[in-house]
Amino acid sequence: MGSAPELSLKRSSSKLLGIRAIEYLKGGPVSFKTHQAIVLIVTFLAYTSYHATRKTTSIVKSVLDPQSSDIGLSLPKKKRISSSVLGNGWAPFNESDGTSLLGDVDVAFLSFYALGMYFSGHFGDRCNLRIFLTVGMLGTALFTSLFGVAYWANIHNFYYFLVVQMIAGLFQSTGWPSVVAVVGNWFGKSKRGLIMGIWNAHTSVGNITGSLIASAMLCYGWGWSFVVPGLMMTFVGLMVFFLLPVAPESVGVSREEDECNSPKKSGDEEVNEPLLAPENPAEEEPVGFLEAWKIPGVAPFALCLFFAKLVAYTFLYWLPFYVSHTAIDGKYLSSETSGTLSTLFDVGGVLGGILAGHISDHLDARAITAASFMYCAIPALFFYRSYGHVSLIVNAALMFITGMFVNGPYALITTAVSADLGTHKSLRGNSRALATVTAIIDGTGSIGAAIGPLLTGYISAKSWSAVFTMLMIAALIAGLLLTRLVMAEVAAKIEESRSNRAPECSLDV
């Protein structure tokens, strides 16, 4: 073993520049728990910025394509939308097939996002996640901004927007496997659903932030709605590079340092237990793509997420457009107001993610919780479509409820379920599977996320009722795909209940 000075020197050299700055300001070493706090905050901000840049196109849609063929040309003339409300649009999206073109841009982004997700998980388990995540964020920032540059460069070529979104989708795919893997390296299994449900609020916070920024920037020109979130992401990307410790070993800290000052109680073994604690991480072989698919539960949850994200991302990309093109209490809202109102869907999603995580922890039943939320989303979607036009208050309330049931299972599957399966007992402690499993589940879900907005772009031109019917069917299928896992969890609960009653019966005899 090396001497104390040698160990101290080795640890100092492994510290990130940002961590060294914190230690300098603090006047002492950063504890394990402080590192955990840094990880939570930095990864939260990182994925918030990912979703903020992803949300911008949904806000700008109604500006690029202000007139849609489904907006009641049969309505009385006084109720039609005038160009003074939404503007004249932006070629080629303001033409007769503009809505379909916007759908094509969305599917280009999401298709390359889904494709990139599988490769990102593969690379994420094999390289430095901090560098990988930084490159992904800076690339995303660049291509998000390039979409907005078309405003000042007066670009109207459809293929420019298509290619920019394709490359942006590839860079966006670096985010989710990376942040889940990093959090998995630092946090234990206790109350995983609740902790990750709260942490996963970054998805909705990012959507809300992106909506508010993009809406606020519209009055200065729609290009700013892309450039400002891009600049924000650049800043957070640099924060990741200088501050994010990928794993305790990467910065030379150990869990025992905190345990010396706050020893575990007899019943708290899991609290400080890492997601995976291999004896010799250096000798681990990353889990292969096909091998990860064979982990029990990965396939059904991945397919469930396919349909869950189909619903969630249809709202992500089309809700502000739908609101601005739907008469609420006989009036149409502006693009800015519609974008702001749509954030209530994500506010409901924050509550839904936390509730789903807490309930699944309490019941110890991920599949039952996810399926129940998907089934509840069906009537929520029906009521929002049927009664959302009654008044602004009714629309807001139903939108909040819909967001809660739609985003709840989506958040649960992409966080706690992915972490559970990425640390499945069949892996025998291999810590180099988490990013791959996360990428498989979210990548499969992202294919559904691409199909939903694409179909909406075409179907909405004829009927929004048909769009909501599609979403309700998708929610039903998502729930049904978990039937076998639900039955297994119910059987386990019954068996557990019987075993708990058995001692009592023997005592009575």
Protein backbone atom coordinates (compact mmCIF):
# COMPACT_ATOMS: atom_id res chain seq x y z
CA MET A 1 0.00 0.00 0.00
CA GLY A 2 1.12 3.57 -0.64
CA SER A 3 1.87 6.06 2.08
CA ALA A 4 -0.65 8.68 3.23
CA PRO A 5 1.00 11.52 1.25
CA GLU A 6 1.00 9.35 -1.89
CA LEU A 7 -2.72 8.56 -1.48
CA SER A 8 -3.48 12.23 -0.88
CA LEU A 9 -1.54 13.25 -4.00
CA LYS A 10 -3.32 10.60 -6.10
CA ARG A 11 -6.71 11.77 -4.88
CA SER A 12 -5.89 15.42 -5.55
CA SER A 13 -4.81 14.66 -9.12
CA SER A 14 -8.07 12.80 -9.78
CA LYS A 15 -10.25 15.71 -8.71
CA LEU A 16 -12.13 17.68 -11.34
CA LEU A 17 -11.34 21.37 -11.67
CA GLY A 18 -14.79 22.32 -10.40
CA ILE A 19 -14.47 20.02 -7.38
CA ARG A 20 -11.06 21.51 -6.59
CA ALA A 21 -12.61 24.99 -6.70
CA ILE A 22 -15.32 23.90 -4.26
CA GLU A 23 -12.69 22.42 -1.95
CA TYR A 24 -10.70 25.65 -2.12
CA LEU A 25 -13.74 27.76 -1.21
CA LYS A 26 -14.81 25.30 1.46
CA GLY A 27 -11.32 25.06 2.92
CA GLY A 28 -11.36 21.29 3.07
CA PRO A 29 -12.11 18.05 1.20
CA VAL A 30 -15.56 17.39 -0.27
CA SER A 31 -17.39 14.57 1.49
CA PHE A 32 -19.10 11.63 -0.18
CA LYS A 33 -22.55 13.08 0.50
CA THR A 34 -21.52 16.42 -0.99
CA HIS A 35 -20.40 14.58 -4.11
CA GLN A 36 -23.82 12.93 -4.22
CA ALA A 37 -25.50 16.33 -3.99
CA ILE A 38 -23.31 17.63 -6.82
CA VAL A 39 -24.23 14.61 -8.96
CA LEU A 40 -27.97 15.10 -8.36
CA ILE A 41 -27.86 18.82 -9.11
CA VAL A 42 -25.63 18.63 -12.19
CA THR A 43 -27.45 15.68 -13.79
CA PHE A 44 -30.79 17.35 -13.01
CA LEU A 45 -29.68 20.54 -14.77
CA ALA A 46 -28.17 18.55 -17.63
CA TYR A 47 -31.33 16.69 -18.51
CA THR A 48 -33.46 19.76 -17.85
CA SER A 49 -31.51 21.50 -20.59
CA TYR A 50 -31.91 18.50 -22.91
CA HIS A 51 -35.68 18.71 -22.63
CA ALA A 52 -35.72 22.51 -22.79
CA THR A 53 -34.05 22.38 -26.22
CA ARG A 54 -36.33 19.51 -27.27
CA LYS A 55 -39.49 21.43 -26.41
CA THR A 56 -38.83 24.51 -28.55
CA THR A 57 -40.20 23.16 -31.84
CA SER A 58 -43.62 22.49 -30.29
CA ILE A 59 -43.89 26.14 -29.24
CA VAL A 60 -42.78 27.52 -32.61
CA LYS A 61 -45.08 25.21 -34.63
CA SER A 62 -48.05 27.56 -34.53
CA VAL A 63 -45.83 30.43 -35.73
CA LEU A 64 -44.32 28.44 -38.59
CA ASP A 65 -47.74 27.07 -39.59
CA PRO A 66 -50.36 29.58 -38.36
CA GLN A 67 -53.22 28.33 -40.53
CA SER A 68 -54.26 24.68 -40.42
CA SER A 69 -56.82 22.91 -42.53
CA ASP A 70 -58.62 21.65 -39.44
CA ILE A 71 -59.35 25.10 -38.06
CA GLY A 72 -62.98 25.45 -38.79
CA LEU A 73 -63.23 27.12 -42.10
CA SER A 74 -66.89 26.28 -41.63
CA LEU A 75 -67.00 28.44 -38.51
CA PRO A 76 -68.68 31.83 -38.68
CA LYS A 77 -66.33 34.34 -40.23
CA LYS A 78 -66.02 36.35 -37.01
CA LYS A 79 -64.57 33.30 -35.20
CA ARG A 80 -61.83 32.43 -37.69
CA ILE A 81 -58.20 33.04 -36.81
CA SER A 82 -56.76 36.09 -38.46
CA SER A 83 -53.15 36.51 -39.58
CA SER A 84 -52.77 39.28 -37.00
CA VAL A 85 -53.08 36.65 -34.25
CA LEU A 86 -50.60 34.05 -35.53
CA GLY A 87 -48.70 35.86 -38.30
CA ASN A 88 -48.09 34.73 -41.86
CA GLY A 89 -45.93 31.73 -41.02
CA TRP A 90 -42.62 30.58 -42.45
CA ALA A 91 -42.17 28.77 -45.76
CA PRO A 92 -42.32 25.88 -46.39
CA PHE A 93 -44.39 25.23 -43.26
CA ASN A 94 -47.09 27.82 -44.00
CA GLU A 95 -48.24 26.03 -47.15
CA SER A 96 -51.14 23.59 -47.52
CA ASP A 97 -49.07 20.60 -46.36
CA GLY A 98 -47.31 22.54 -43.58
CA THR A 99 -48.70 20.45 -40.74
CA SER A 100 -47.47 17.24 -42.38
CA LEU A 101 -44.03 18.77 -42.95
CA LEU A 102 -43.80 19.69 -39.28
CA GLY A 103 -44.68 16.08 -38.46
CA ASP A 104 -41.89 14.91 -40.80
CA VAL A 105 -39.37 17.13 -39.01
CA ASP A 106 -40.44 15.68 -35.67
CA VAL A 107 -40.16 12.09 -36.84
CA ALA A 108 -36.71 12.79 -38.33
CA PHE A 109 -35.51 14.07 -34.97
CA LEU A 110 -37.08 11.27 -32.95
CA SER A 111 -36.06 8.48 -35.35
CA PHE A 112 -32.41 9.47 -35.14
CA TYR A 113 -32.82 9.98 -31.39
CA ALA A 114 -34.15 6.42 -31.04
CA LEU A 115 -31.42 5.00 -33.30
CA GLY A 116 -28.72 6.93 -31.49
CA MET A 117 -30.04 5.77 -28.12
CA TYR A 118 -29.02 2.15 -28.73
CA PHE A 119 -25.48 3.19 -29.70
CA SER A 120 -25.27 5.71 -26.85
CA GLY A 121 -25.98 3.02 -24.28
CA HIS A 122 -23.31 0.80 -25.86
CA PHE A 123 -20.69 3.57 -25.81
CA GLY A 124 -21.81 4.89 -22.43
CA ASP A 125 -20.83 1.62 -20.71
CA ARG A 126 -17.43 1.70 -22.44
CA CYS A 127 -16.13 5.27 -22.18
CA ASN A 128 -15.84 8.29 -19.88
CA LEU A 129 -19.45 9.34 -19.30
CA ARG A 130 -18.46 12.91 -18.37
CA ILE A 131 -16.76 13.51 -21.73
CA PHE A 132 -19.46 11.63 -23.61
CA LEU A 133 -22.21 13.70 -21.98
CA THR A 134 -20.37 16.99 -22.52
CA VAL A 135 -19.91 16.31 -26.26
CA GLY A 136 -23.56 15.36 -26.55
CA MET A 137 -24.72 18.54 -24.84
CA LEU A 138 -22.50 20.88 -26.86
CA GLY A 139 -23.57 19.16 -30.08
CA THR A 140 -27.23 19.45 -29.12
CA ALA A 141 -26.77 23.14 -28.31
CA LEU A 142 -25.13 23.78 -31.68
CA PHE A 143 -27.78 22.11 -33.82
CA THR A 144 -30.67 23.49 -31.79
CA SER A 145 -29.27 26.96 -32.46
CA LEU A 146 -28.73 26.18 -36.16
CA PHE A 147 -32.46 25.55 -36.53
CA GLY A 148 -33.09 29.07 -35.23
CA VAL A 149 -30.35 30.57 -37.41
CA ALA A 150 -32.65 29.93 -40.39
CA TYR A 151 -34.73 32.89 -39.17
CA TRP A 152 -31.92 35.40 -39.73
CA ALA A 153 -30.37 33.58 -42.71
CA ASN A 154 -33.80 33.54 -44.38
CA ILE A 155 -33.58 29.79 -45.05
CA HIS A 156 -36.75 28.15 -46.42
CA ASN A 157 -35.34 24.85 -47.66
CA PHE A 158 -37.21 22.00 -45.97
CA TYR A 159 -34.19 19.68 -46.14
CA TYR A 160 -32.10 22.13 -44.11
CA PHE A 161 -34.53 21.81 -41.20
CA LEU A 162 -34.76 18.04 -41.70
CA VAL A 163 -30.99 17.43 -41.61
CA VAL A 164 -30.46 19.78 -38.66
CA GLN A 165 -33.10 17.91 -36.66
CA MET A 166 -31.63 14.52 -37.60
CA ILE A 167 -28.19 15.45 -36.27
CA ALA A 168 -29.74 17.12 -33.21
CA GLY A 169 -31.57 13.86 -32.48
CA LEU A 170 -28.30 11.91 -32.53
CA PHE A 171 -26.68 14.29 -30.06
CA GLN A 172 -29.79 14.29 -27.85
CA SER A 173 -29.56 10.51 -27.52
CA THR A 174 -26.39 10.84 -25.43
CA GLY A 175 -28.26 12.32 -22.48
CA TRP A 176 -30.52 9.78 -20.84
CA PRO A 177 -28.28 6.68 -20.65
CA SER A 178 -25.46 8.85 -19.34
CA VAL A 179 -27.30 10.64 -16.52
CA VAL A 180 -29.06 7.45 -15.33
CA ALA A 181 -25.76 5.56 -15.29
CA VAL A 182 -24.00 8.32 -13.33
CA VAL A 183 -26.80 8.55 -10.76
CA GLY A 184 -26.78 4.76 -10.55
CA ASN A 185 -23.08 4.80 -9.69
CA TRP A 186 -23.64 7.10 -6.72
CA PHE A 187 -26.99 6.18 -5.17
CA GLY A 188 -28.32 3.12 -3.42
CA LYS A 189 -31.48 1.08 -3.74
CA SER A 190 -33.46 2.43 -0.78
CA LYS A 191 -36.59 4.30 -1.89
CA ARG A 192 -35.30 4.28 -5.46
CA GLY A 193 -38.75 4.88 -6.97
CA LEU A 194 -39.43 7.98 -4.86
CA ILE A 195 -35.92 9.43 -5.20
CA MET A 196 -35.83 8.90 -8.94
CA GLY A 197 -39.42 10.10 -9.26
CA ILE A 198 -38.43 13.41 -7.70
CA TRP A 199 -35.14 13.55 -9.66
CA ASN A 200 -37.03 12.75 -12.87
CA ALA A 201 -38.90 16.03 -12.47
CA HIS A 202 -36.09 17.39 -14.67
CA THR A 203 -38.08 16.11 -17.69
CA SER A 204 -41.10 18.23 -16.88
CA VAL A 205 -39.03 21.13 -15.55
CA GLY A 206 -37.13 21.10 -18.83
CA ASN A 207 -40.36 21.08 -20.83
CA ILE A 208 -41.75 23.94 -18.75
CA THR A 209 -38.51 25.92 -18.99
CA GLY A 210 -38.29 25.36 -22.72
CA SER A 211 -41.93 26.35 -23.19
CA LEU A 212 -41.62 29.56 -21.17
CA ILE A 213 -38.34 30.63 -22.79
CA ALA A 214 -39.48 29.82 -26.32
CA SER A 215 -42.84 31.55 -25.76
CA ALA A 216 -41.17 34.64 -24.29
CA MET A 217 -38.71 34.86 -27.21
CA LEU A 218 -41.38 34.69 -29.95
CA CYS A 219 -42.00 38.43 -29.80
CA TYR A 220 -38.34 39.03 -30.76
CA GLY A 221 -38.42 36.53 -33.64
CA TRP A 222 -38.85 32.73 -33.55
CA GLY A 223 -35.12 32.18 -34.11
CA TRP A 224 -34.42 33.30 -30.55
CA SER A 225 -36.70 30.51 -29.29
CA PHE A 226 -33.99 28.08 -30.41
CA VAL A 227 -30.82 30.07 -29.83
CA VAL A 228 -31.47 31.01 -26.19
CA PRO A 229 -32.11 27.39 -25.03
CA GLY A 230 -29.03 26.42 -27.05
CA LEU A 231 -26.89 28.93 -25.18
CA MET A 232 -28.33 27.72 -21.89
CA MET A 233 -27.38 24.17 -22.75
CA THR A 234 -23.85 25.21 -23.66
CA PHE A 235 -23.40 26.68 -20.18
CA VAL A 236 -24.73 23.54 -18.46
CA GLY A 237 -22.56 21.36 -20.72
CA LEU A 238 -19.46 23.17 -19.50
CA MET A 239 -20.70 22.72 -15.94
CA VAL A 240 -20.88 18.95 -16.58
CA PHE A 241 -17.33 18.93 -17.91
CA PHE A 242 -15.85 20.74 -14.89
CA LEU A 243 -18.06 19.39 -12.10
CA LEU A 244 -19.61 15.98 -12.77
CA PRO A 245 -17.91 13.05 -11.01
CA VAL A 246 -18.92 9.90 -12.93
CA ALA A 247 -18.33 7.48 -10.05
CA PRO A 248 -16.75 7.53 -6.58
CA GLU A 249 -13.62 5.80 -7.94
CA SER A 250 -13.17 8.50 -10.59
CA VAL A 251 -12.58 11.21 -7.99
CA GLY A 252 -10.86 9.13 -5.34
CA VAL A 253 -13.56 9.17 -2.66
CA SER A 254 -15.02 6.22 -0.84
CA ARG A 255 -18.26 5.57 0.96
CA GLU A 256 -16.41 4.52 4.09
CA GLU A 257 -15.36 8.12 4.76
CA ASP A 258 -18.94 9.07 5.55
CA GLU A 259 -19.68 5.81 7.29
CA CYS A 260 -16.92 6.58 9.81
CA ASN A 261 -18.73 9.77 10.82
CA SER A 262 -22.26 8.38 10.46
CA PRO A 263 -22.25 4.62 10.91
CA LYS A 264 -25.15 2.57 9.59
CA LYS A 265 -27.90 1.46 11.89
CA SER A 266 -28.63 -2.22 12.14
CA GLY A 267 -31.61 -2.05 9.80
CA ASP A 268 -30.17 0.37 7.28
CA GLU A 269 -27.91 -1.87 5.23
CA GLU A 270 -29.51 -0.78 1.95
CA VAL A 271 -29.33 2.95 2.53
CA ASN A 272 -25.68 3.30 1.63
CA GLU A 273 -25.50 0.31 -0.69
CA PRO A 274 -24.54 1.27 -4.23
CA LEU A 275 -26.62 0.10 -7.15
CA LEU A 276 -23.89 -2.36 -7.99
CA ALA A 277 -20.86 -3.15 -5.89
CA PRO A 278 -18.53 -5.43 -7.84
CA GLU A 279 -15.42 -6.74 -6.18
CA ASN A 280 -13.19 -5.81 -9.07
CA PRO A 281 -14.78 -3.29 -11.48
CA ALA A 282 -11.69 -3.15 -13.67
CA GLU A 283 -12.14 -6.77 -14.73
CA GLU A 284 -15.82 -6.46 -15.70
CA GLU A 285 -16.92 -6.99 -19.28
CA PRO A 286 -19.71 -4.70 -20.53
CA VAL A 287 -23.01 -6.51 -21.04
CA GLY A 288 -23.83 -7.07 -24.71
CA PHE A 289 -26.87 -5.64 -26.48
CA LEU A 290 -28.62 -8.98 -27.06
CA GLU A 291 -27.69 -10.22 -23.60
CA ALA A 292 -29.33 -7.15 -22.06
CA TRP A 293 -32.56 -7.85 -23.98
CA LYS A 294 -32.70 -11.27 -22.30
CA ILE A 295 -32.81 -9.81 -18.77
CA PRO A 296 -36.26 -10.70 -17.36
CA GLY A 297 -38.63 -7.73 -17.66
CA VAL A 298 -36.60 -5.68 -20.15
CA ALA A 299 -38.67 -6.60 -23.23
CA PRO A 300 -42.17 -6.02 -21.76
CA PHE A 301 -41.22 -2.74 -20.13
CA ALA A 302 -39.45 -1.57 -23.29
CA LEU A 303 -42.53 -2.34 -25.40
CA CYS A 304 -44.79 -0.72 -22.82
CA LEU A 305 -42.65 2.41 -22.99
CA PHE A 306 -43.00 2.35 -26.80
CA PHE A 307 -46.70 3.12 -26.43
CA ALA A 308 -46.35 5.26 -23.30
CA LYS A 309 -43.89 7.59 -25.04
CA LEU A 310 -46.06 7.61 -28.16
CA VAL A 311 -48.71 9.29 -26.01
CA ALA A 312 -46.33 11.50 -24.00
CA TYR A 313 -44.37 12.80 -26.97
CA THR A 314 -47.47 13.50 -29.01
CA PHE A 315 -48.37 15.94 -26.23
CA LEU A 316 -44.78 17.17 -26.00
CA TYR A 317 -44.66 18.15 -29.67
CA TRP A 318 -48.28 18.98 -30.48
CA LEU A 319 -50.06 20.22 -27.34
CA PRO A 320 -49.28 23.95 -27.78
CA PHE A 321 -50.29 23.66 -31.45
CA TYR A 322 -53.52 21.86 -30.51
CA VAL A 323 -54.39 24.45 -27.87
CA SER A 324 -53.77 27.40 -30.21
CA HIS A 325 -55.92 25.78 -32.90
CA THR A 326 -58.82 24.84 -30.62
CA ALA A 327 -61.55 27.29 -29.60
CA ILE A 328 -61.73 27.44 -25.79
CA ASP A 329 -64.94 29.04 -24.63
CA GLY A 330 -65.41 30.24 -28.21
CA LYS A 331 -62.00 31.97 -28.39
CA TYR A 332 -58.58 31.10 -29.80
CA LEU A 333 -55.44 31.66 -27.73
CA SER A 334 -52.25 33.23 -29.05
CA SER A 335 -49.13 31.12 -29.62
CA GLU A 336 -47.49 32.63 -26.51
CA THR A 337 -50.51 31.94 -24.29
CA SER A 338 -50.94 28.43 -25.68
CA GLY A 339 -47.29 27.64 -24.96
CA THR A 340 -47.59 28.90 -21.41
CA LEU A 341 -50.85 27.02 -20.78
CA SER A 342 -49.33 23.78 -22.09
CA THR A 343 -46.83 23.77 -19.21
CA LEU A 344 -49.63 22.54 -16.91
CA PHE A 345 -49.36 19.16 -18.63
CA ASP A 346 -45.76 18.97 -17.42
CA VAL A 347 -46.62 20.26 -13.95
CA GLY A 348 -49.06 17.36 -13.70
CA GLY A 349 -46.26 15.13 -15.00
CA VAL A 350 -44.01 16.12 -12.09
CA LEU A 351 -46.67 15.06 -9.59
CA GLY A 352 -47.40 11.90 -11.59
CA GLY A 353 -43.75 10.84 -11.62
CA ILE A 354 -43.40 11.36 -7.86
CA LEU A 355 -46.67 9.56 -7.11
CA ALA A 356 -45.81 6.63 -9.37
CA GLY A 357 -42.39 6.28 -7.75
CA HIS A 358 -43.75 6.51 -4.20
CA ILE A 359 -46.62 4.10 -4.84
CA SER A 360 -44.37 1.56 -6.54
CA ASP A 361 -41.94 1.74 -3.59
CA HIS A 362 -44.75 1.31 -1.08
CA LEU A 363 -46.33 -1.60 -2.93
CA ASP A 364 -43.00 -2.96 -4.19
CA ALA A 365 -44.83 -3.40 -7.50
CA ARG A 366 -43.49 -1.46 -10.50
CA ALA A 367 -45.65 -3.23 -13.12
CA ILE A 368 -48.92 -2.84 -11.21
CA THR A 369 -48.26 0.87 -10.70
CA ALA A 370 -47.26 1.54 -14.32
CA ALA A 371 -50.21 -0.40 -15.75
CA SER A 372 -52.70 1.29 -13.41
CA PHE A 373 -51.52 4.75 -14.45
CA MET A 374 -51.78 3.83 -18.15
CA TYR A 375 -55.34 2.60 -17.70
CA CYS A 376 -56.27 5.81 -15.84
CA ALA A 377 -54.79 7.85 -18.71
CA ILE A 378 -57.52 6.55 -21.05
CA PRO A 379 -60.49 8.34 -19.41
CA ALA A 380 -58.26 11.38 -18.76
CA LEU A 381 -57.55 11.68 -22.50
CA PHE A 382 -61.24 11.23 -23.33
CA PHE A 383 -62.40 13.93 -20.94
CA TYR A 384 -59.70 16.37 -22.05
CA ARG A 385 -60.71 16.06 -25.69
CA SER A 386 -64.46 16.13 -24.94
CA TYR A 387 -64.61 18.93 -22.37
CA GLY A 388 -61.35 20.88 -22.71
CA HIS A 389 -63.10 23.47 -24.89
CA VAL A 390 -65.67 24.39 -22.23
CA SER A 391 -63.52 26.97 -20.45
CA LEU A 392 -59.92 27.86 -19.71
CA ILE A 393 -60.19 26.56 -16.14
CA VAL A 394 -61.67 23.22 -17.23
CA ASN A 395 -59.01 22.88 -19.93
CA ALA A 396 -56.21 23.61 -17.44
CA ALA A 397 -57.57 21.16 -14.84
CA LEU A 398 -58.06 18.32 -17.32
CA MET A 399 -54.65 19.00 -18.89
CA PHE A 400 -53.01 18.73 -15.45
CA ILE A 401 -54.76 15.42 -14.70
CA THR A 402 -53.88 14.02 -18.12
CA GLY A 403 -50.23 14.96 -17.66
CA MET A 404 -50.18 13.22 -14.28
CA PHE A 405 -51.42 9.88 -15.64
CA VAL A 406 -49.50 10.01 -18.94
CA ASN A 407 -46.11 11.03 -17.54
CA GLY A 408 -46.32 8.99 -14.31
CA PRO A 409 -45.58 5.56 -15.86
CA TYR A 410 -43.23 7.12 -18.41
CA ALA A 411 -41.14 8.58 -15.58
CA LEU A 412 -41.28 5.37 -13.54
CA ILE A 413 -40.16 3.09 -16.37
CA THR A 414 -37.32 5.31 -17.56
CA THR A 415 -35.88 5.75 -14.07
CA ALA A 416 -36.58 3.25 -11.27
CA VAL A 417 -37.55 0.36 -13.57
CA SER A 418 -34.49 0.89 -15.77
CA ALA A 419 -32.25 1.01 -12.70
CA ASP A 420 -33.90 -2.14 -11.30
CA LEU A 421 -33.41 -4.07 -14.52
CA GLY A 422 -29.92 -2.67 -15.09
CA THR A 423 -28.96 -4.14 -11.72
CA HIS A 424 -30.92 -7.38 -12.06
CA LYS A 425 -29.65 -10.35 -10.06
CA SER A 426 -29.03 -12.25 -13.31
CA LEU A 427 -26.16 -9.81 -13.99
CA ARG A 428 -24.34 -11.10 -10.90
CA GLY A 429 -23.09 -7.69 -9.83
CA ASN A 430 -21.87 -6.47 -13.21
CA SER A 431 -21.98 -2.66 -13.00
CA ARG A 432 -21.38 -2.14 -16.73
CA ALA A 433 -24.95 -2.84 -17.88
CA LEU A 434 -26.92 0.11 -16.57
CA ALA A 435 -26.44 2.45 -19.54
CA THR A 436 -27.10 -0.39 -22.02
CA VAL A 437 -30.34 -1.48 -20.35
CA THR A 438 -31.47 2.13 -19.95
CA ALA A 439 -30.75 2.78 -23.62
CA ILE A 440 -32.65 -0.33 -24.74
CA ILE A 441 -35.76 0.61 -22.77
CA ASP A 442 -35.72 4.31 -23.61
CA GLY A 443 -34.56 3.68 -27.19
CA THR A 444 -37.49 1.37 -27.84
CA GLY A 445 -39.78 3.92 -26.24
CA SER A 446 -38.29 6.60 -28.46
CA ILE A 447 -39.39 4.72 -31.57
CA GLY A 448 -42.94 5.13 -30.31
CA ALA A 449 -42.13 8.75 -29.52
CA ALA A 450 -41.23 9.22 -33.20
CA ILE A 451 -44.31 7.45 -34.55
CA GLY A 452 -46.82 9.35 -32.39
CA PRO A 453 -45.95 12.88 -33.57
CA LEU A 454 -45.57 11.62 -37.16
CA LEU A 455 -49.06 10.12 -37.23
CA THR A 456 -50.45 13.19 -35.49
CA GLY A 457 -49.06 15.44 -38.20
CA TYR A 458 -51.14 13.61 -40.80
CA ILE A 459 -54.22 12.64 -38.78
CA SER A 460 -54.73 16.05 -37.17
CA ALA A 461 -55.17 17.65 -40.58
CA LYS A 462 -58.46 15.74 -40.81
CA SER A 463 -59.57 15.17 -37.22
CA TRP A 464 -58.18 15.80 -33.75
CA SER A 465 -60.75 13.36 -32.36
CA ALA A 466 -59.03 10.63 -34.35
CA VAL A 467 -55.70 11.65 -32.80
CA PHE A 468 -57.09 11.24 -29.29
CA THR A 469 -58.61 7.87 -30.23
CA MET A 470 -55.13 6.78 -31.34
CA LEU A 471 -53.67 7.95 -28.01
CA MET A 472 -56.30 6.10 -25.96
CA ILE A 473 -55.66 2.87 -27.87
CA ALA A 474 -51.91 3.30 -27.33
CA ALA A 475 -52.43 3.78 -23.56
CA LEU A 476 -54.57 0.62 -23.45
CA ILE A 477 -51.93 -1.46 -25.26
CA ALA A 478 -49.20 -0.09 -22.97
CA GLY A 479 -51.10 -1.34 -19.94
CA LEU A 480 -51.90 -4.73 -21.49
CA LEU A 481 -48.25 -5.37 -22.34
CA LEU A 482 -47.49 -5.51 -18.62
CA THR A 483 -50.24 -8.06 -17.89
CA ARG A 484 -47.87 -10.98 -17.32
CA LEU A 485 -45.67 -8.94 -14.99
CA VAL A 486 -48.73 -7.61 -13.17
CA MET A 487 -50.02 -11.16 -12.63
CA ALA A 488 -46.60 -12.21 -11.35
CA GLU A 489 -46.54 -9.31 -8.87
CA VAL A 490 -50.09 -10.08 -7.72
CA ALA A 491 -49.18 -13.76 -7.24
CA ALA A 492 -46.10 -12.73 -5.26
CA LYS A 493 -48.22 -10.50 -3.04
CA ILE A 494 -50.71 -13.31 -2.39
CA GLU A 495 -47.90 -15.74 -1.59
CA GLU A 496 -46.29 -13.17 0.72
CA SER A 497 -49.60 -12.60 2.49
CA ARG A 498 -50.07 -16.34 3.01
CA SER A 499 -46.57 -16.81 4.36
CA ASN A 500 -47.09 -13.94 6.80
CA ARG A 501 -50.32 -15.53 8.08
CA ALA A 502 -48.86 -19.03 8.40
CA PRO A 503 -46.98 -18.44 11.71
CA GLU A 504 -50.09 -16.90 13.23
CA CYS A 505 -52.16 -19.99 12.31
CA SER A 506 -49.58 -22.37 13.79
CA LEU A 507 -49.54 -20.36 17.02
CA ASP A 508 -53.34 -20.56 17.25
CA VAL A 509 -53.20 -24.35 16.84
